[in-house]
Every structure is written in structure tokens, then in C-alpha cells.
Amino acid sequence: METETATNVLYTEVTGTTAYLAGQRGIVTGLHTHPAHGTLGAFVRLEGPTDSAGRFIAQGPMLYVALGAKSGDRGQYHEVAGWRVIDRDEFDRINALDTLRADLGWR
């Protein structure tokens, strides 16, 4: 997977907000946080293809966005350090769900 970089910023106080990455519009669907390190990343679902009437016909790819320095008067924005397209298995790995499944005996 190739990682792209940019100097964009991402609003990280809540999910459900619009994000623009690589000129494409998406929605922040989740935040990757750590108790000791704060917000490390965000999950963004890009808009998918549309039909001739402009209706979405499929979901776009899911991105993991690595976050950098905070900005804004409340620290509500993070610099975008880079992003990559992820699949379900990568999502599970980032959130340690694969480890949890293995610990419970699931394969």
C-alpha cells in the first residue's frame, strides 16, 4: 500500500465531519485514540462513484489518516501526516481486534 502525504488539516473533535484528502471528499467515521498518547489517527470513508443522476452507487475506500501536530484554539485540528487505503483486516490490526480474536481462540 502506498502512503500519500499532504499538508492538510483534519477536524478531530467529533466524527461525522467532512474531510477533503487528495481532492476527494470523505466523512470522518472514527478516531484512533490511545489513553496515553491522545488521538493518533482517523478513519475516513471517501465518497464512492455516482450514477448519471449523481446518486452514490457504491461506497468509496476507507482510509487510515495518520495525524501530526495539533492546531486551533482548542487543539481541535490535527495536521495530516499521511494516509493509506485500508481493508477490514488492516482496520482490525490498527484497533487490536485481531489480537483480541486470537486471544479468544478465533482465527
PDB file of N, CA and C in Angstrom:
ATOM      1  N   MET A   1       0.832  -1.181   0.000  1.00  0.00           N
ATOM      2  CA  MET A   1       0.000   0.000   0.000  1.00  0.00           C
ATOM      3  C   MET A   1       0.876   1.243   0.000  1.00  0.00           C
ATOM      4  N   GLU A   2       0.531   2.153  -0.833  1.00  0.00           N
ATOM      5  CA  GLU A   2       1.292   3.387  -0.922  1.00  0.00           C
ATOM      6  C   GLU A   2       0.702   4.436   0.018  1.00  0.00           C
ATOM      7  N   THR A   3       1.554   5.145   0.726  1.00  0.00           N
ATOM      8  CA  THR A   3       1.117   6.202   1.622  1.00  0.00           C
ATOM      9  C   THR A   3       1.297   7.535   0.922  1.00  0.00           C
ATOM     10  N   GLU A   4       0.251   8.352   0.941  1.00  0.00           N
ATOM     11  CA  GLU A   4       0.320   9.679   0.355  1.00  0.00           C
ATOM     12  C   GLU A   4       0.460  10.694   1.477  1.00  0.00           C
ATOM     13  N   THR A   5       1.098  11.808   1.183  1.00  0.00           N
ATOM     14  CA  THR A   5       1.254  12.846   2.184  1.00  0.00           C
ATOM     15  C   THR A   5       0.687  14.153   1.673  1.00  0.00           C
ATOM     16  N   ALA A   6       0.355  15.022   2.610  1.00  0.00           N
ATOM     17  CA  ALA A   6      -0.183  16.339   2.277  1.00  0.00           C
ATOM     18  C   ALA A   6      -0.009  17.234   3.489  1.00  0.00           C
ATOM     19  N   THR A   7      -0.316  18.504   3.346  1.00  0.00           N
ATOM     20  CA  THR A   7      -0.214  19.441   4.456  1.00  0.00           C
ATOM     21  C   THR A   7      -1.601  19.865   4.926  1.00  0.00           C
ATOM     22  N   ASN A   8      -2.615  19.072   4.635  1.00  0.00           N
ATOM     23  CA  ASN A   8      -3.979  19.363   5.058  1.00  0.00           C
ATOM     24  C   ASN A   8      -4.097  19.275   6.571  1.00  0.00           C
ATOM     25  N   VAL A   9      -5.206  19.804   7.093  1.00  0.00           N
ATOM     26  CA  VAL A   9      -5.552  19.604   8.489  1.00  0.00           C
ATOM     27  C   VAL A   9      -6.901  18.914   8.543  1.00  0.00           C
ATOM     28  N   LEU A  10      -7.148  18.205   9.635  1.00  0.00           N
ATOM     29  CA  LEU A  10      -8.370  17.443   9.806  1.00  0.00           C
ATOM     30  C   LEU A  10      -8.994  17.822  11.142  1.00  0.00           C
ATOM     31  N   TYR A  11     -10.305  18.081  11.137  1.00  0.00           N
ATOM     32  CA  TYR A  11     -11.041  18.391  12.363  1.00  0.00           C
ATOM     33  C   TYR A  11     -11.244  17.089  13.119  1.00  0.00           C
ATOM     34  N   THR A  12     -10.816  17.045  14.398  1.00  0.00           N
ATOM     35  CA  THR A  12     -10.807  15.780  15.122  1.00  0.00           C
ATOM     36  C   THR A  12     -11.557  15.804  16.452  1.00  0.00           C
ATOM     37  N   GLU A  13     -12.455  16.776  16.657  1.00  0.00           N
ATOM     38  CA  GLU A  13     -13.220  16.771  17.910  1.00  0.00           C
ATOM     39  C   GLU A  13     -14.369  15.768  17.893  1.00  0.00           C
ATOM     40  N   VAL A  14     -14.973  15.571  16.738  1.00  0.00           N
ATOM     41  CA  VAL A  14     -16.102  14.643  16.616  1.00  0.00           C
ATOM     42  C   VAL A  14     -16.008  13.891  15.292  1.00  0.00           C
ATOM     43  N   THR A  15     -16.753  12.811  15.185  1.00  0.00           N
ATOM     44  CA  THR A  15     -16.840  12.089  13.917  1.00  0.00           C
ATOM     45  C   THR A  15     -18.052  12.591  13.138  1.00  0.00           C
ATOM     46  N   GLY A  16     -18.148  12.178  11.888  1.00  0.00           N
ATOM     47  CA  GLY A  16     -19.258  12.592  11.043  1.00  0.00           C
ATOM     48  C   GLY A  16     -18.996  13.879  10.283  1.00  0.00           C
ATOM     49  N   THR A  17     -17.796  14.402  10.403  1.00  0.00           N
ATOM     50  CA  THR A  17     -17.459  15.651   9.725  1.00  0.00           C
ATOM     51  C   THR A  17     -16.885  15.371   8.340  1.00  0.00           C
ATOM     52  N   THR A  18     -16.980  16.347   7.465  1.00  0.00           N
ATOM     53  CA  THR A  18     -16.468  16.228   6.109  1.00  0.00           C
ATOM     54  C   THR A  18     -14.962  16.439   6.109  1.00  0.00           C
ATOM     55  N   ALA A  19     -14.276  15.654   5.300  1.00  0.00           N
ATOM     56  CA  ALA A  19     -12.821  15.778   5.149  1.00  0.00           C
ATOM     57  C   ALA A  19     -12.487  15.755   3.663  1.00  0.00           C
ATOM     58  N   TYR A  20     -11.474  16.498   3.276  1.00  0.00           N
ATOM     59  CA  TYR A  20     -11.008  16.501   1.889  1.00  0.00           C
ATOM     60  C   TYR A  20      -9.559  16.037   1.877  1.00  0.00           C
ATOM     61  N   LEU A  21      -9.313  14.923   1.199  1.00  0.00           N
ATOM     62  CA  LEU A  21      -7.970  14.363   1.082  1.00  0.00           C
ATOM     63  C   LEU A  21      -7.719  14.044  -0.380  1.00  0.00           C
ATOM     64  N   ALA A  22      -6.600  14.475  -0.887  1.00  0.00           N
ATOM     65  CA  ALA A  22      -6.220  14.244  -2.284  1.00  0.00           C
ATOM     66  C   ALA A  22      -7.314  14.731  -3.231  1.00  0.00           C
ATOM     67  N   GLY A  23      -7.968  15.821  -2.859  1.00  0.00           N
ATOM     68  CA  GLY A  23      -9.003  16.385  -3.706  1.00  0.00           C
ATOM     69  C   GLY A  23     -10.306  15.615  -3.700  1.00  0.00           C
ATOM     70  N   GLN A  24     -10.431  14.626  -2.817  1.00  0.00           N
ATOM     71  CA  GLN A  24     -11.659  13.826  -2.733  1.00  0.00           C
ATOM     72  C   GLN A  24     -12.349  14.100  -1.404  1.00  0.00           C
ATOM     73  N   ARG A  25     -13.675  14.073  -1.454  1.00  0.00           N
ATOM     74  CA  ARG A  25     -14.469  14.326  -0.261  1.00  0.00           C
ATOM     75  C   ARG A  25     -14.750  13.018   0.457  1.00  0.00           C
ATOM     76  N   GLY A  26     -14.677  13.070   1.788  1.00  0.00           N
ATOM     77  CA  GLY A  26     -14.994  11.905   2.595  1.00  0.00           C
ATOM     78  C   GLY A  26     -15.592  12.324   3.920  1.00  0.00           C
ATOM     79  N   ILE A  27     -15.927  11.351   4.735  1.00  0.00           N
ATOM     80  CA  ILE A  27     -16.516  11.570   6.042  1.00  0.00           C
ATOM     81  C   ILE A  27     -15.632  10.895   7.086  1.00  0.00           C
ATOM     82  N   VAL A  28     -15.315  11.615   8.174  1.00  0.00           N
ATOM     83  CA  VAL A  28     -14.568  11.032   9.288  1.00  0.00           C
ATOM     84  C   VAL A  28     -15.521  10.091  10.018  1.00  0.00           C
ATOM     85  N   THR A  29     -15.223   8.792   9.977  1.00  0.00           N
ATOM     86  CA  THR A  29     -16.118   7.802  10.576  1.00  0.00           C
ATOM     87  C   THR A  29     -15.658   7.338  11.950  1.00  0.00           C
ATOM     88  N   GLY A  30     -14.410   7.583  12.303  1.00  0.00           N
ATOM     89  CA  GLY A  30     -13.909   7.172  13.605  1.00  0.00           C
ATOM     90  C   GLY A  30     -12.549   7.775  13.882  1.00  0.00           C
ATOM     91  N   LEU A  31     -12.176   7.761  15.149  1.00  0.00           N
ATOM     92  CA  LEU A  31     -10.873   8.274  15.571  1.00  0.00           C
ATOM     93  C   LEU A  31     -10.099   7.155  16.261  1.00  0.00           C
ATOM     94  N   HIS A  32      -8.819   7.090  16.006  1.00  0.00           N
ATOM     95  CA  HIS A  32      -7.930   6.105  16.621  1.00  0.00           C
ATOM     96  C   HIS A  32      -7.230   6.814  17.775  1.00  0.00           C
ATOM     97  N   THR A  33      -7.601   6.444  18.998  1.00  0.00           N
ATOM     98  CA  THR A  33      -7.050   7.120  20.174  1.00  0.00           C
ATOM     99  C   THR A  33      -6.293   6.142  21.056  1.00  0.00           C
ATOM    100  N   HIS A  34      -5.426   6.697  21.882  1.00  0.00           N
ATOM    101  CA  HIS A  34      -4.650   5.932  22.848  1.00  0.00           C
ATOM    102  C   HIS A  34      -4.715   6.681  24.170  1.00  0.00           C
ATOM    103  N   PRO A  35      -4.943   5.990  25.292  1.00  0.00           N
ATOM    104  CA  PRO A  35      -5.094   6.682  26.576  1.00  0.00           C
ATOM    105  C   PRO A  35      -3.913   7.588  26.944  1.00  0.00           C
ATOM    106  N   ALA A  36      -2.711   7.159  26.617  1.00  0.00           N
ATOM    107  CA  ALA A  36      -1.533   7.938  26.993  1.00  0.00           C
ATOM    108  C   ALA A  36      -1.078   8.914  25.919  1.00  0.00           C
ATOM    109  N   HIS A  37      -1.457   8.672  24.666  1.00  0.00           N
ATOM    110  CA  HIS A  37      -0.930   9.483  23.559  1.00  0.00           C
ATOM    111  C   HIS A  37      -1.974  10.327  22.849  1.00  0.00           C
ATOM    112  N   GLY A  38      -3.246  10.218  23.233  1.00  0.00           N
ATOM    113  CA  GLY A  38      -4.292  11.023  22.606  1.00  0.00           C
ATOM    114  C   GLY A  38      -4.708  10.478  21.249  1.00  0.00           C
ATOM    115  N   THR A  39      -5.117  11.374  20.363  1.00  0.00           N
ATOM    116  CA  THR A  39      -5.600  10.986  19.045  1.00  0.00           C
ATOM    117  C   THR A  39      -4.428  10.741  18.104  1.00  0.00           C
ATOM    118  N   LEU A  40      -4.323   9.519  17.610  1.00  0.00           N
ATOM    119  CA  LEU A  40      -3.212   9.127  16.743  1.00  0.00           C
ATOM    120  C   LEU A  40      -3.585   9.158  15.265  1.00  0.00           C
ATOM    121  N   GLY A  41      -4.851   8.873  14.980  1.00  0.00           N
ATOM    122  CA  GLY A  41      -5.268   8.791  13.590  1.00  0.00           C
ATOM    123  C   GLY A  41      -6.770   8.898  13.460  1.00  0.00           C
ATOM    124  N   ALA A  42      -7.226   8.870  12.221  1.00  0.00           N
ATOM    125  CA  ALA A  42      -8.657   8.944  11.934  1.00  0.00           C
ATOM    126  C   ALA A  42      -8.983   7.982  10.803  1.00  0.00           C
ATOM    127  N   PHE A  43     -10.224   7.524  10.792  1.00  0.00           N
ATOM    128  CA  PHE A  43     -10.727   6.682   9.717  1.00  0.00           C
ATOM    129  C   PHE A  43     -11.659   7.535   8.875  1.00  0.00           C
ATOM    130  N   VAL A  44     -11.397   7.595   7.574  1.00  0.00           N
ATOM    131  CA  VAL A  44     -12.179   8.423   6.657  1.00  0.00           C
ATOM    132  C   VAL A  44     -12.689   7.550   5.519  1.00  0.00           C
ATOM    133  N   ARG A  45     -14.007   7.584   5.296  1.00  0.00           N
ATOM    134  CA  ARG A  45     -14.618   6.865   4.171  1.00  0.00           C
ATOM    135  C   ARG A  45     -14.796   7.867   3.040  1.00  0.00           C
ATOM    136  N   LEU A  46     -14.102   7.626   1.926  1.00  0.00           N
ATOM    137  CA  LEU A  46     -14.246   8.513   0.765  1.00  0.00           C
ATOM    138  C   LEU A  46     -15.571   8.253   0.073  1.00  0.00           C
ATOM    139  N   GLU A  47     -16.093   9.281  -0.582  1.00  0.00           N
ATOM    140  CA  GLU A  47     -17.325   9.115  -1.339  1.00  0.00           C
ATOM    141  C   GLU A  47     -17.070   8.179  -2.510  1.00  0.00           C
ATOM    142  N   GLY A  48     -18.053   7.382  -2.828  1.00  0.00           N
ATOM    143  CA  GLY A  48     -17.929   6.417  -3.906  1.00  0.00           C
ATOM    144  C   GLY A  48     -18.417   6.964  -5.229  1.00  0.00           C
ATOM    145  N   PRO A  49     -18.422   6.106  -6.241  1.00  0.00           N
ATOM    146  CA  PRO A  49     -18.873   6.526  -7.574  1.00  0.00           C
ATOM    147  C   PRO A  49     -20.370   6.822  -7.581  1.00  0.00           C
ATOM    148  N   THR A  50     -20.794   7.670  -8.518  1.00  0.00           N
ATOM    149  CA  THR A  50     -22.201   8.031  -8.654  1.00  0.00           C
ATOM    150  C   THR A  50     -22.715   7.632 -10.032  1.00  0.00           C
ATOM    151  N   ASP A  51     -24.040   7.538 -10.129  1.00  0.00           N
ATOM    152  CA  ASP A  51     -24.650   7.277 -11.431  1.00  0.00           C
ATOM    153  C   ASP A  51     -24.864   8.602 -12.160  1.00  0.00           C
ATOM    154  N   SER A  52     -25.517   8.554 -13.307  1.00  0.00           N
ATOM    155  CA  SER A  52     -25.694   9.766 -14.118  1.00  0.00           C
ATOM    156  C   SER A  52     -26.563  10.814 -13.426  1.00  0.00           C
ATOM    157  N   ALA A  53     -27.355  10.415 -12.425  1.00  0.00           N
ATOM    158  CA  ALA A  53     -28.197  11.358 -11.688  1.00  0.00           C
ATOM    159  C   ALA A  53     -27.497  11.888 -10.440  1.00  0.00           C
ATOM    160  N   GLY A  54     -26.251  11.464 -10.216  1.00  0.00           N
ATOM    161  CA  GLY A  54     -25.486  11.943  -9.065  1.00  0.00           C
ATOM    162  C   GLY A  54     -25.736  11.169  -7.779  1.00  0.00           C
ATOM    163  N   ARG A  55     -26.415  10.007  -7.859  1.00  0.00           N
ATOM    164  CA  ARG A  55     -26.661   9.174  -6.678  1.00  0.00           C
ATOM    165  C   ARG A  55     -25.483   8.228  -6.466  1.00  0.00           C
ATOM    166  N   PHE A  56     -25.100   8.036  -5.215  1.00  0.00           N
ATOM    167  CA  PHE A  56     -23.999   7.118  -4.915  1.00  0.00           C
ATOM    168  C   PHE A  56     -24.439   5.690  -5.192  1.00  0.00           C
ATOM    169  N   ILE A  57     -23.600   4.953  -5.906  1.00  0.00           N
ATOM    170  CA  ILE A  57     -23.925   3.565  -6.251  1.00  0.00           C
ATOM    171  C   ILE A  57     -23.036   2.563  -5.515  1.00  0.00           C
ATOM    172  N   ALA A  58     -22.011   3.039  -4.841  1.00  0.00           N
ATOM    173  CA  ALA A  58     -21.119   2.173  -4.068  1.00  0.00           C
ATOM    174  C   ALA A  58     -20.350   3.028  -3.069  1.00  0.00           C
ATOM    175  N   GLN A  59     -19.873   2.380  -2.017  1.00  0.00           N
ATOM    176  CA  GLN A  59     -19.037   3.091  -1.057  1.00  0.00           C
ATOM    177  C   GLN A  59     -17.641   3.277  -1.624  1.00  0.00           C
ATOM    178  N   GLY A  60     -17.016   4.360  -1.238  1.00  0.00           N
ATOM    179  CA  GLY A  60     -15.633   4.581  -1.606  1.00  0.00           C
ATOM    180  C   GLY A  60     -14.710   3.846  -0.644  1.00  0.00           C
ATOM    181  N   PRO A  61     -13.416   3.939  -0.862  1.00  0.00           N
ATOM    182  CA  PRO A  61     -12.467   3.237   0.001  1.00  0.00           C
ATOM    183  C   PRO A  61     -12.377   3.856   1.395  1.00  0.00           C
ATOM    184  N   MET A  62     -11.965   3.042   2.357  1.00  0.00           N
ATOM    185  CA  MET A  62     -11.709   3.507   3.720  1.00  0.00           C
ATOM    186  C   MET A  62     -10.236   3.870   3.810  1.00  0.00           C
ATOM    187  N   LEU A  63      -9.958   5.015   4.417  1.00  0.00           N
ATOM    188  CA  LEU A  63      -8.587   5.466   4.606  1.00  0.00           C
ATOM    189  C   LEU A  63      -8.251   5.494   6.083  1.00  0.00           C
ATOM    190  N   TYR A  64      -6.990   5.189   6.399  1.00  0.00           N
ATOM    191  CA  TYR A  64      -6.456   5.478   7.728  1.00  0.00           C
ATOM    192  C   TYR A  64      -5.593   6.715   7.574  1.00  0.00           C
ATOM    193  N   VAL A  65      -5.893   7.749   8.341  1.00  0.00           N
ATOM    194  CA  VAL A  65      -5.177   9.015   8.261  1.00  0.00           C
ATOM    195  C   VAL A  65      -4.293   9.152   9.498  1.00  0.00           C
ATOM    196  N   ALA A  66      -2.975   9.184   9.297  1.00  0.00           N
ATOM    197  CA  ALA A  66      -2.039   9.408  10.400  1.00  0.00           C
ATOM    198  C   ALA A  66      -2.014  10.899  10.699  1.00  0.00           C
ATOM    199  N   LEU A  67      -2.127  11.240  11.988  1.00  0.00           N
ATOM    200  CA  LEU A  67      -2.215  12.640  12.386  1.00  0.00           C
ATOM    201  C   LEU A  67      -0.921  13.134  13.005  1.00  0.00           C
ATOM    202  N   GLY A  68      -0.646  14.402  12.783  1.00  0.00           N
ATOM    203  CA  GLY A  68       0.538  15.046  13.327  1.00  0.00           C
ATOM    204  C   GLY A  68       0.164  16.057  14.400  1.00  0.00           C
ATOM    205  N   ALA A  69       0.799  17.208  14.344  1.00  0.00           N
ATOM    206  CA  ALA A  69       0.660  18.238  15.374  1.00  0.00           C
ATOM    207  C   ALA A  69      -0.761  18.800  15.445  1.00  0.00           C
ATOM    208  N   LYS A  70      -1.160  19.176  16.663  1.00  0.00           N
ATOM    209  CA  LYS A  70      -2.452  19.813  16.895  1.00  0.00           C
ATOM    210  C   LYS A  70      -2.384  21.289  16.533  1.00  0.00           C
ATOM    211  N   SER A  71      -3.541  21.840  16.184  1.00  0.00           N
ATOM    212  CA  SER A  71      -3.651  23.280  15.970  1.00  0.00           C
ATOM    213  C   SER A  71      -5.059  23.713  16.338  1.00  0.00           C
ATOM    214  N   GLY A  72      -5.321  24.994  16.296  1.00  0.00           N
ATOM    215  CA  GLY A  72      -6.621  25.528  16.683  1.00  0.00           C
ATOM    216  C   GLY A  72      -6.603  25.946  18.141  1.00  0.00           C
ATOM    217  N   ASP A  73      -7.510  26.815  18.506  1.00  0.00           N
ATOM    218  CA  ASP A  73      -7.508  27.343  19.874  1.00  0.00           C
ATOM    219  C   ASP A  73      -7.814  26.278  20.922  1.00  0.00           C
ATOM    220  N   ARG A  74      -8.481  25.192  20.559  1.00  0.00           N
ATOM    221  CA  ARG A  74      -8.766  24.089  21.480  1.00  0.00           C
ATOM    222  C   ARG A  74      -8.004  22.822  21.106  1.00  0.00           C
ATOM    223  N   GLY A  75      -7.136  22.910  20.123  1.00  0.00           N
ATOM    224  CA  GLY A  75      -6.448  21.721  19.632  1.00  0.00           C
ATOM    225  C   GLY A  75      -7.384  20.818  18.857  1.00  0.00           C
ATOM    226  N   GLN A  76      -8.418  21.424  18.241  1.00  0.00           N
ATOM    227  CA  GLN A  76      -9.449  20.654  17.556  1.00  0.00           C
ATOM    228  C   GLN A  76      -9.070  20.195  16.160  1.00  0.00           C
ATOM    229  N   TYR A  77      -7.937  20.633  15.672  1.00  0.00           N
ATOM    230  CA  TYR A  77      -7.444  20.214  14.355  1.00  0.00           C
ATOM    231  C   TYR A  77      -6.124  19.480  14.532  1.00  0.00           C
ATOM    232  N   HIS A  78      -5.853  18.572  13.617  1.00  0.00           N
ATOM    233  CA  HIS A  78      -4.561  17.897  13.563  1.00  0.00           C
ATOM    234  C   HIS A  78      -4.019  18.027  12.142  1.00  0.00           C
ATOM    235  N   GLU A  79      -2.719  18.195  12.041  1.00  0.00           N
ATOM    236  CA  GLU A  79      -2.067  18.159  10.740  1.00  0.00           C
ATOM    237  C   GLU A  79      -2.148  16.739  10.205  1.00  0.00           C
ATOM    238  N   VAL A  80      -2.392  16.597   8.911  1.00  0.00           N
ATOM    239  CA  VAL A  80      -2.423  15.280   8.277  1.00  0.00           C
ATOM    240  C   VAL A  80      -0.985  14.902   7.916  1.00  0.00           C
ATOM    241  N   ALA A  81      -0.492  13.847   8.556  1.00  0.00           N
ATOM    242  CA  ALA A  81       0.875  13.394   8.297  1.00  0.00           C
ATOM    243  C   ALA A  81       0.927  12.478   7.074  1.00  0.00           C
ATOM    244  N   GLY A  82      -0.155  11.806   6.775  1.00  0.00           N
ATOM    245  CA  GLY A  82      -0.230  10.908   5.625  1.00  0.00           C
ATOM    246  C   GLY A  82      -1.453  10.031   5.727  1.00  0.00           C
ATOM    247  N   TRP A  83      -1.741   9.283   4.679  1.00  0.00           N
ATOM    248  CA  TRP A  83      -2.880   8.372   4.715  1.00  0.00           C
ATOM    249  C   TRP A  83      -2.631   7.224   3.767  1.00  0.00           C
ATOM    250  N   ARG A  84      -3.426   6.155   4.005  1.00  0.00           N
ATOM    251  CA  ARG A  84      -3.354   4.984   3.137  1.00  0.00           C
ATOM    252  C   ARG A  84      -4.720   4.310   3.108  1.00  0.00           C
ATOM    253  N   VAL A  85      -5.001   3.627   2.029  1.00  0.00           N
ATOM    254  CA  VAL A  85      -6.226   2.849   1.906  1.00  0.00           C
ATOM    255  C   VAL A  85      -6.070   1.599   2.756  1.00  0.00           C
ATOM    256  N   ILE A  86      -7.118   1.265   3.526  1.00  0.00           N
ATOM    257  CA  ILE A  86      -7.068   0.064   4.364  1.00  0.00           C
ATOM    258  C   ILE A  86      -8.258  -0.837   4.036  1.00  0.00           C
ATOM    259  N   ASP A  87      -8.096  -2.108   4.377  1.00  0.00           N
ATOM    260  CA  ASP A  87      -9.196  -3.061   4.262  1.00  0.00           C
ATOM    261  C   ASP A  87      -9.617  -3.476   5.669  1.00  0.00           C
ATOM    262  N   ARG A  88     -10.536  -4.407   5.746  1.00  0.00           N
ATOM    263  CA  ARG A  88     -11.060  -4.831   7.047  1.00  0.00           C
ATOM    264  C   ARG A  88      -9.967  -5.413   7.948  1.00  0.00           C
ATOM    265  N   ASP A  89      -9.079  -6.217   7.377  1.00  0.00           N
ATOM    266  CA  ASP A  89      -8.011  -6.829   8.169  1.00  0.00           C
ATOM    267  C   ASP A  89      -7.070  -5.766   8.752  1.00  0.00           C
ATOM    268  N   GLU A  90      -6.752  -4.747   7.963  1.00  0.00           N
ATOM    269  CA  GLU A  90      -5.891  -3.673   8.453  1.00  0.00           C
ATOM    270  C   GLU A  90      -6.608  -2.872   9.534  1.00  0.00           C
ATOM    271  N   PHE A  91      -7.894  -2.629   9.379  1.00  0.00           N
ATOM    272  CA  PHE A  91      -8.678  -1.948  10.407  1.00  0.00           C
ATOM    273  C   PHE A  91      -8.604  -2.732  11.715  1.00  0.00           C
ATOM    274  N   ASP A  92      -8.794  -4.049  11.623  1.00  0.00           N
ATOM    275  CA  ASP A  92      -8.721  -4.895  12.816  1.00  0.00           C
ATOM    276  C   ASP A  92      -7.345  -4.823  13.469  1.00  0.00           C
ATOM    277  N   ARG A  93      -6.278  -4.824  12.662  1.00  0.00           N
ATOM    278  CA  ARG A  93      -4.926  -4.753  13.210  1.00  0.00           C
ATOM    279  C   ARG A  93      -4.687  -3.429  13.919  1.00  0.00           C
ATOM    280  N   ILE A  94      -5.094  -2.319  13.316  1.00  0.00           N
ATOM    281  CA  ILE A  94      -4.900  -0.992  13.912  1.00  0.00           C
ATOM    282  C   ILE A  94      -5.591  -0.905  15.267  1.00  0.00           C
ATOM    283  N   ASN A  95      -6.768  -1.502  15.380  1.00  0.00           N
ATOM    284  CA  ASN A  95      -7.553  -1.428  16.611  1.00  0.00           C
ATOM    285  C   ASN A  95      -7.350  -2.622  17.535  1.00  0.00           C
ATOM    286  N   ALA A  96      -6.376  -3.471  17.225  1.00  0.00           N
ATOM    287  CA  ALA A  96      -6.016  -4.657  18.018  1.00  0.00           C
ATOM    288  C   ALA A  96      -7.160  -5.668  18.112  1.00  0.00           C
ATOM    289  N   LEU A  97      -8.088  -5.637  17.163  1.00  0.00           N
ATOM    290  CA  LEU A  97      -9.166  -6.624  17.155  1.00  0.00           C
ATOM    291  C   LEU A  97      -8.651  -7.997  16.756  1.00  0.00           C
ATOM    292  N   ASP A  98      -7.613  -8.037  15.921  1.00  0.00           N
ATOM    293  CA  ASP A  98      -7.029  -9.328  15.538  1.00  0.00           C
ATOM    294  C   ASP A  98      -6.410 -10.018  16.743  1.00  0.00           C
ATOM    295  N   THR A  99      -5.774  -9.265  17.614  1.00  0.00           N
ATOM    296  CA  THR A  99      -5.177  -9.817  18.829  1.00  0.00           C
ATOM    297  C   THR A  99      -6.261 -10.326  19.770  1.00  0.00           C
ATOM    298  N   LEU A 100      -7.326  -9.561  19.897  1.00  0.00           N
ATOM    299  CA  LEU A 100      -8.445  -9.977  20.743  1.00  0.00           C
ATOM    300  C   LEU A 100      -9.050 -11.277  20.231  1.00  0.00           C
ATOM    301  N   ARG A 101      -9.265 -11.385  18.926  1.00  0.00           N
ATOM    302  CA  ARG A 101      -9.817 -12.619  18.353  1.00  0.00           C
ATOM    303  C   ARG A 101      -8.892 -13.811  18.622  1.00  0.00           C
ATOM    304  N   ALA A 102      -7.582 -13.605  18.457  1.00  0.00           N
ATOM    305  CA  ALA A 102      -6.624 -14.678  18.689  1.00  0.00           C
ATOM    306  C   ALA A 102      -6.632 -15.085  20.171  1.00  0.00           C
ATOM    307  N   ASP A 103      -6.713 -14.111  21.063  1.00  0.00           N
ATOM    308  CA  ASP A 103      -6.740 -14.408  22.496  1.00  0.00           C
ATOM    309  C   ASP A 103      -7.984 -15.208  22.890  1.00  0.00           C
ATOM    310  N   LEU A 104      -9.078 -15.004  22.148  1.00  0.00           N
ATOM    311  CA  LEU A 104     -10.320 -15.727  22.429  1.00  0.00           C
ATOM    312  C   LEU A 104     -10.421 -17.039  21.658  1.00  0.00           C
ATOM    313  N   GLY A 105      -9.390 -17.365  20.873  1.00  0.00           N
ATOM    314  CA  GLY A 105      -9.359 -18.620  20.137  1.00  0.00           C
ATOM    315  C   GLY A 105      -9.969 -18.564  18.754  1.00  0.00           C
ATOM    316  N   TRP A 106     -10.356 -17.380  18.292  1.00  0.00           N
ATOM    317  CA  TRP A 106     -10.893 -17.245  16.931  1.00  0.00           C
ATOM    318  C   TRP A 106      -9.759 -17.129  15.958  1.00  0.00           C
ATOM    319  N   ARG A 107      -9.982 -17.583  14.749  1.00  0.00           N
ATOM    320  CA  ARG A 107      -8.943 -17.485  13.720  1.00  0.00           C
ATOM    321  C   ARG A 107      -9.398 -16.575  12.622  1.00  0.00           C
TER     322      ARG A 107
END
